[in-house]
Amino acid sequence: MATGLAYTDIEGLAVLLMDMQYYYVDTREKKNLIPNQIAVIEFCADKNIPVVVIKFAGCGPIVKRLKDAVKKLPQENVLWVKKYYINGFHYTHLHEKLQAKNIRTLILMGVNAGLCVHVAGMSAIRLGYKIITSSDLIADYNGSSVSPEWYIQNGIYVSKHTDIIGK
């Protein structure tokens, strides 16, 4: 397995941070994602990589530590998306906004990996994006580790976020 971003181009890369709201981040396993996601956000700050924060309408605020990390980014590299359906691409203009920034590859982070993250990943692939994620950046509904088969078959799936950011 490749380490760091040797297998992808930083140009055209963005991060999707999905549904990391207090309403969903309700187990220790899900809370354990947060430091890893912050490390990826800090990597994005260092490399000038856009971050998209997707928030499910009506489900409360984004976890403060994540929101604070995102606020440290240059705001031209941050896109805040409010979604009303499980798919972050559905009725949000997300695809058009990613195209405007010439994004081709997406690092997927968030919950719930078996539904919202998965559906967004399927849409991303259908729209022509490559996807990357790791077992310590996404969690399933009950907080358990995600069955990686779909992610392995359809993108790049690694065991640790450090395999993505190279730290």
Foldseek 3Di string as FASTA:
>chain_A
DAFAAPPHDLQQEEEEEEAQFCLQCPDPLSVQLVVQVLVVLVLCQVVVHAYEYEHEPPRHDHPPVVVVSNVVHDCVRYHYWYDPDLESVPPTCPVVVSVVSNHAEYEYAYDAVVTSSVNNLVVSVVVRHAYEYEQSRHHHRVSHTDDCVVVVVGHHYYHGSSRHRVD
